[in-house]
């Protein structure tokens, strides 16, 4: 279980990432971040619009009750 052996660093081949791979990865990450942020903005906009409509409906209902009873 504790068979410690030295690591052969001379035989290991480390692949260097090319510039195009790094740039394409950055472009994909940037695109995904932009997509997530824009989706959040749209979603919060819909939620805000829903709240505005609920308050508007509530104000209309209160106004109609006010005119009926007073």
C-alpha atoms as a PDB file:
ATOM      1  CA  UNK A   1       0.000   0.000   0.000  1.00  0.00           C
ATOM      2  CA  UNK A   2       2.860   2.356   0.727  1.00  0.00           C
ATOM      3  CA  UNK A   3       4.975   1.426  -2.273  1.00  0.00           C
ATOM      4  CA  UNK A   4       6.549   4.805  -2.982  1.00  0.00           C
ATOM      5  CA  UNK A   5       8.291   5.060  -6.325  1.00  0.00           C
ATOM      6  CA  UNK A   6       9.937   8.103  -7.829  1.00  0.00           C
ATOM      7  CA  UNK A   7       8.062   9.849 -10.569  1.00  0.00           C
ATOM      8  CA  UNK A   8       9.732   9.742 -13.983  1.00  0.00           C
ATOM      9  CA  UNK A   9       9.507  13.359 -15.167  1.00  0.00           C
ATOM     10  CA  UNK A  10      11.937  12.841 -18.043  1.00  0.00           C
ATOM     11  CA  UNK A  11       9.734  10.313 -19.820  1.00  0.00           C
ATOM     12  CA  UNK A  12       6.495  12.188 -19.275  1.00  0.00           C
ATOM     13  CA  UNK A  13       5.343  14.208 -22.221  1.00  0.00           C
ATOM     14  CA  UNK A  14       3.556  17.418 -21.403  1.00  0.00           C
ATOM     15  CA  UNK A  15       1.419  18.676 -24.246  1.00  0.00           C
ATOM     16  CA  UNK A  16       1.553  22.410 -24.636  1.00  0.00           C
ATOM     17  CA  UNK A  17      -1.763  23.965 -25.460  1.00  0.00           C
ATOM     18  CA  UNK A  18      -1.787  25.877 -28.670  1.00  0.00           C
ATOM     19  CA  UNK A  19      -2.789  29.500 -28.760  1.00  0.00           C
ATOM     20  CA  UNK A  20      -5.921  28.766 -30.776  1.00  0.00           C
ATOM     21  CA  UNK A  21      -7.139  26.228 -28.215  1.00  0.00           C
ATOM     22  CA  UNK A  22      -6.640  28.703 -25.387  1.00  0.00           C
ATOM     23  CA  UNK A  23      -8.345  31.509 -27.302  1.00  0.00           C
ATOM     24  CA  UNK A  24     -11.287  29.329 -28.343  1.00  0.00           C
ATOM     25  CA  UNK A  25     -11.739  28.234 -24.735  1.00  0.00           C
ATOM     26  CA  UNK A  26     -11.742  31.883 -23.613  1.00  0.00           C
ATOM     27  CA  UNK A  27     -14.267  32.755 -26.327  1.00  0.00           C
ATOM     28  CA  UNK A  28     -16.578  29.923 -25.251  1.00  0.00           C
ATOM     29  CA  UNK A  29     -16.319  30.934 -21.575  1.00  0.00           C
ATOM     30  CA  UNK A  30     -17.002  34.565 -22.486  1.00  0.00           C
ATOM     31  CA  UNK A  31     -20.006  33.557 -24.600  1.00  0.00           C
ATOM     32  CA  UNK A  32     -21.437  31.421 -21.799  1.00  0.00           C
ATOM     33  CA  UNK A  33     -20.923  34.194 -19.239  1.00  0.00           C
ATOM     34  CA  UNK A  34     -22.674  36.682 -21.540  1.00  0.00           C
ATOM     35  CA  UNK A  35     -25.529  34.239 -22.116  1.00  0.00           C
ATOM     36  CA  UNK A  36     -25.990  33.640 -18.376  1.00  0.00           C
ATOM     37  CA  UNK A  37     -25.934  37.349 -17.524  1.00  0.00           C
ATOM     38  CA  UNK A  38     -28.366  38.269 -20.305  1.00  0.00           C
ATOM     39  CA  UNK A  39     -30.717  35.447 -19.287  1.00  0.00           C
ATOM     40  CA  UNK A  40     -30.656  36.679 -15.686  1.00  0.00           C
ATOM     41  CA  UNK A  41     -31.428  40.236 -16.814  1.00  0.00           C
ATOM     42  CA  UNK A  42     -34.363  39.059 -18.947  1.00  0.00           C
ATOM     43  CA  UNK A  43     -35.683  36.818 -16.150  1.00  0.00           C
ATOM     44  CA  UNK A  44     -35.515  39.609 -13.566  1.00  0.00           C
ATOM     45  CA  UNK A  45     -37.206  41.902 -16.086  1.00  0.00           C
ATOM     46  CA  UNK A  46     -40.085  39.451 -16.458  1.00  0.00           C
ATOM     47  CA  UNK A  47     -40.346  39.150 -12.688  1.00  0.00           C
ATOM     48  CA  UNK A  48     -40.349  42.930 -12.347  1.00  0.00           C
ATOM     49  CA  UNK A  49     -42.994  43.279 -15.065  1.00  0.00           C
ATOM     50  CA  UNK A  50     -45.127  40.673 -13.295  1.00  0.00           C
ATOM     51  CA  UNK A  51     -44.887  42.559 -10.025  1.00  0.00           C
ATOM     52  CA  UNK A  52     -45.844  45.794 -11.790  1.00  0.00           C
ATOM     53  CA  UNK A  53     -48.874  44.101 -13.350  1.00  0.00           C
ATOM     54  CA  UNK A  54     -49.949  42.579 -10.023  1.00  0.00           C
ATOM     55  CA  UNK A  55     -49.705  45.982  -8.320  1.00  0.00           C
ATOM     56  CA  UNK A  56     -51.615  47.595 -11.200  1.00  0.00           C
ATOM     57  CA  UNK A  57     -54.376  44.989 -10.967  1.00  0.00           C
ATOM     58  CA  UNK A  58     -54.509  45.396  -7.197  1.00  0.00           C
ATOM     59  CA  UNK A  59     -54.789  49.176  -7.575  1.00  0.00           C
ATOM     60  CA  UNK A  60     -57.624  48.723 -10.093  1.00  0.00           C
ATOM     61  CA  UNK A  61     -59.427  46.354  -7.769  1.00  0.00           C
ATOM     62  CA  UNK A  62     -59.049  48.733  -4.800  1.00  0.00           C
ATOM     63  CA  UNK A  63     -60.287  51.630  -6.969  1.00  0.00           C
ATOM     64  CA  UNK A  64     -63.357  49.653  -8.032  1.00  0.00           C
ATOM     65  CA  UNK A  65     -64.112  48.718  -4.410  1.00  0.00           C
ATOM     66  CA  UNK A  66     -63.635  52.348  -3.386  1.00  0.00           C
ATOM     67  CA  UNK A  67     -66.156  53.553  -5.968  1.00  0.00           C
ATOM     68  CA  UNK A  68     -68.693  50.883  -5.003  1.00  0.00           C
ATOM     69  CA  UNK A  69     -68.644  51.401  -1.241  1.00  0.00           C
ATOM     70  CA  UNK A  70     -67.821  55.105  -0.904  1.00  0.00           C
END
